[in-house]
Amino acid sequence: MRTTNEAYIIDAVRSPVGRRGGALAGVHSADLAAHSLSALMDRTGVDPAAVDDVYLGCLDQIGSQSGDIARTGWLAAGLPESVPGVTIDRQCGSSQQAVHFAAHAVMSGQSGLVVAGGVQNMSQIPLTAAAIVGKDFGMPDPYSGSRGWRKRYGNEPVTQFHAAEKMARHWGIDRADMERFALDSHRKAVTAIDSGWFDREIAPYEDDETSLLMDEGPRRDTTPESMAKLKTLSPTGRLTAATSSQIADGSAALLIASEAAVREHGLTPRARIHQMTVVGDDPIMMLSAPIPGTRKALERAGLTTGDIDAVEINEAFAPVVLAWLRDVDIAPERVNPCGGAIALGHPLGATGARLMTTLLHQLERTGGRYGLQTMCEGGGQANVTIIERLG
């Protein structure tokens, strides 16, 4: 469904993505969020006090990520106390959902300028930390004890690793397929770095204690032989660490504006948010929803895959993208042209905004018109966003 109001992307910026235990590992999550928020405000030149709200995605909201990191990150950046913030958890799609909510706010006419983004320091707060803490309260996982859940889904494991293995088996994707895809991800990411494709979208992280100018994850020395030596994540499985996204640290932020705000503040939009779709699918398979989500988004937008010039689909695991490619008729060279999370890392709550930032810059670099972003999410969900480059 389209309205007569538009939501525009004014700017998008991200931190470099740090690998687990790398340069950003010791950075407090509020400061990591503040880095992208400050860079965004500096780049746009907008009076920060004119921002109506801040939406940030973040998972495992404990420790340095608790207490509404959208609010604490904004304040840690030294930005006006008058601007509120809210933290969003749609699992891996949290910051993509933040962009959707920001667009909804300005398209409804209730807001003029909204910041959307995300942050995650996985070095400090491990994956599923919030669920693990539940054990201290007698809750071994989010599902045990729910009669309704067990009645509907039984005792089958609800984990992304189990889901990725199910996808590999269902679509007939073998280990060699996945390793070829992973190697390509690293090679594309290295090419993007060496060619300067990320330079404009990254705000280097530099302070008295930390310096990171570029993404740490891509491995120049990765070979088919080295990947073949790795053990699988389960004794009977196909996945290895090489065909899974890297644990990572990072943040990203975008400024979303209404038509009225564009006029009022004299802004130049870089893209228009053309379509926003969210779907649910099998929560045990968990990672397959980008397939029906993409079809639904294209249908609603009145577009075909031939209209899409660039795609960013999160490489949570290699079979996620390979299955999507088998079921969605689109030229593979348009998909993740700068590499993906297997090479660049997946800082959970920040990845959606990171992908959007990269997608925008890729369209501008190549002169493409339409870009599509999608990612799998816990609970068997997917966000799909189509943007249209302007100018």
Foldseek 3Di string as FASTA:
>chain_A
DDDPWFKFFQAKAKAFWEFQVGQCLPPQFLCQQLLQVLVQCVVFVDQLLQAAEEEFEDPPCDDSNHDASRLSSCVVNVHDNNYYYHYADQWLCRQVVQVVVQGVCQRVVNGFKYKTFYWFNCNVQPPCNNQPVCVVVVRNGPPPPDPVCCVVPNDQDQDQVQLLQVLCVVLVPALVNLLVQLVVLLVLQVVCVVVVLCQVRHDWDDDPRGTDRHFDFRDPPDDPVVVVPFDAPDPPGGHGLLQAFGAITIMMMIMMGIPVSCVVRVTDGFKIFQWKFKDADDLRNQWAAVQVRVVVGCVVSVHALVLAQAEEEASRGSSSVVVSCVRHPHDPCRYSSNHHRSRRNRSRRRRSSVSVNSQSSVCVVVVHFKYWYKYGGHNRMMMIIIMGGDD
